[in-house]
Amino acid sequence: NNAYESVHKAAKQAADMAEANFTAVTNTAVKASQAAAKSAKRAA
């Protein structure tokens, strides 16, 4: 039972971290694309 709980907790933590990383990467990509779009408008 304890081994199962430990594995379950570890898996949940890993999933939470992956989700947080994905969110951060997505936000960064959105900001980068917005910045690029603004630069492109200035250049045009």
C-alpha atoms as a PDB file:
ATOM      1  CA  ASN A   1       0.000   0.000   0.000  1.00  0.00           C
ATOM      2  CA  ASN A   2       2.758   2.462   0.915  1.00  0.00           C
ATOM      3  CA  ALA A   3       4.709   1.663  -2.245  1.00  0.00           C
ATOM      4  CA  TYR A   4       1.594   2.276  -4.321  1.00  0.00           C
ATOM      5  CA  GLU A   5       0.942   5.585  -2.562  1.00  0.00           C
ATOM      6  CA  SER A   6       4.540   6.683  -3.093  1.00  0.00           C
ATOM      7  CA  VAL A   7       4.395   5.866  -6.795  1.00  0.00           C
ATOM      8  CA  HIS A   8       1.023   7.578  -7.096  1.00  0.00           C
ATOM      9  CA  LYS A   9       2.315  10.748  -5.384  1.00  0.00           C
ATOM     10  CA  ALA A  10       5.445  10.769  -7.552  1.00  0.00           C
ATOM     11  CA  ALA A  11       3.382  10.357 -10.713  1.00  0.00           C
ATOM     12  CA  LYS A  12       1.044  13.172  -9.680  1.00  0.00           C
ATOM     13  CA  GLN A  13       3.977  15.468  -8.933  1.00  0.00           C
ATOM     14  CA  ALA A  14       5.537  14.653 -12.295  1.00  0.00           C
ATOM     15  CA  ALA A  15       2.260  15.369 -14.073  1.00  0.00           C
ATOM     16  CA  ASP A  16       1.830  18.652 -12.201  1.00  0.00           C
ATOM     17  CA  MET A  17       5.379  19.708 -13.086  1.00  0.00           C
ATOM     18  CA  ALA A  18       4.885  18.776 -16.727  1.00  0.00           C
ATOM     19  CA  GLU A  19       1.680  20.795 -16.835  1.00  0.00           C
ATOM     20  CA  ALA A  20       3.379  23.801 -15.240  1.00  0.00           C
ATOM     21  CA  ASN A  21       6.270  23.553 -17.711  1.00  0.00           C
ATOM     22  CA  PHE A  22       3.872  23.265 -20.647  1.00  0.00           C
ATOM     23  CA  THR A  23       1.969  26.331 -19.458  1.00  0.00           C
ATOM     24  CA  ALA A  24       5.188  28.315 -19.088  1.00  0.00           C
ATOM     25  CA  VAL A  25       6.410  27.290 -22.540  1.00  0.00           C
ATOM     26  CA  THR A  26       3.051  28.152 -24.090  1.00  0.00           C
ATOM     27  CA  ASN A  27       2.987  31.574 -22.430  1.00  0.00           C
ATOM     28  CA  THR A  28       6.542  32.258 -23.577  1.00  0.00           C
ATOM     29  CA  ALA A  29       5.703  31.229 -27.138  1.00  0.00           C
ATOM     30  CA  VAL A  30       2.623  33.457 -27.182  1.00  0.00           C
ATOM     31  CA  LYS A  31       4.590  36.445 -25.880  1.00  0.00           C
ATOM     32  CA  ALA A  32       7.379  35.804 -28.379  1.00  0.00           C
ATOM     33  CA  SER A  33       4.979  35.606 -31.303  1.00  0.00           C
ATOM     34  CA  GLN A  34       3.222  38.777 -30.183  1.00  0.00           C
ATOM     35  CA  ALA A  35       6.561  40.576 -29.937  1.00  0.00           C
ATOM     36  CA  ALA A  36       7.538  39.313 -33.388  1.00  0.00           C
ATOM     37  CA  ALA A  37       4.228  40.498 -34.824  1.00  0.00           C
ATOM     38  CA  LYS A  38       4.765  43.974 -33.346  1.00  0.00           C
ATOM     39  CA  SER A  39       8.290  44.101 -34.782  1.00  0.00           C
ATOM     40  CA  ALA A  40       7.007  43.033 -38.192  1.00  0.00           C
ATOM     41  CA  LYS A  41       4.386  45.797 -38.149  1.00  0.00           C
ATOM     42  CA  ARG A  42       7.037  48.394 -37.311  1.00  0.00           C
ATOM     43  CA  ALA A  43       9.294  47.148 -40.097  1.00  0.00           C
ATOM     44  CA  ALA A  44       6.515  47.217 -42.695  1.00  0.00           C
END
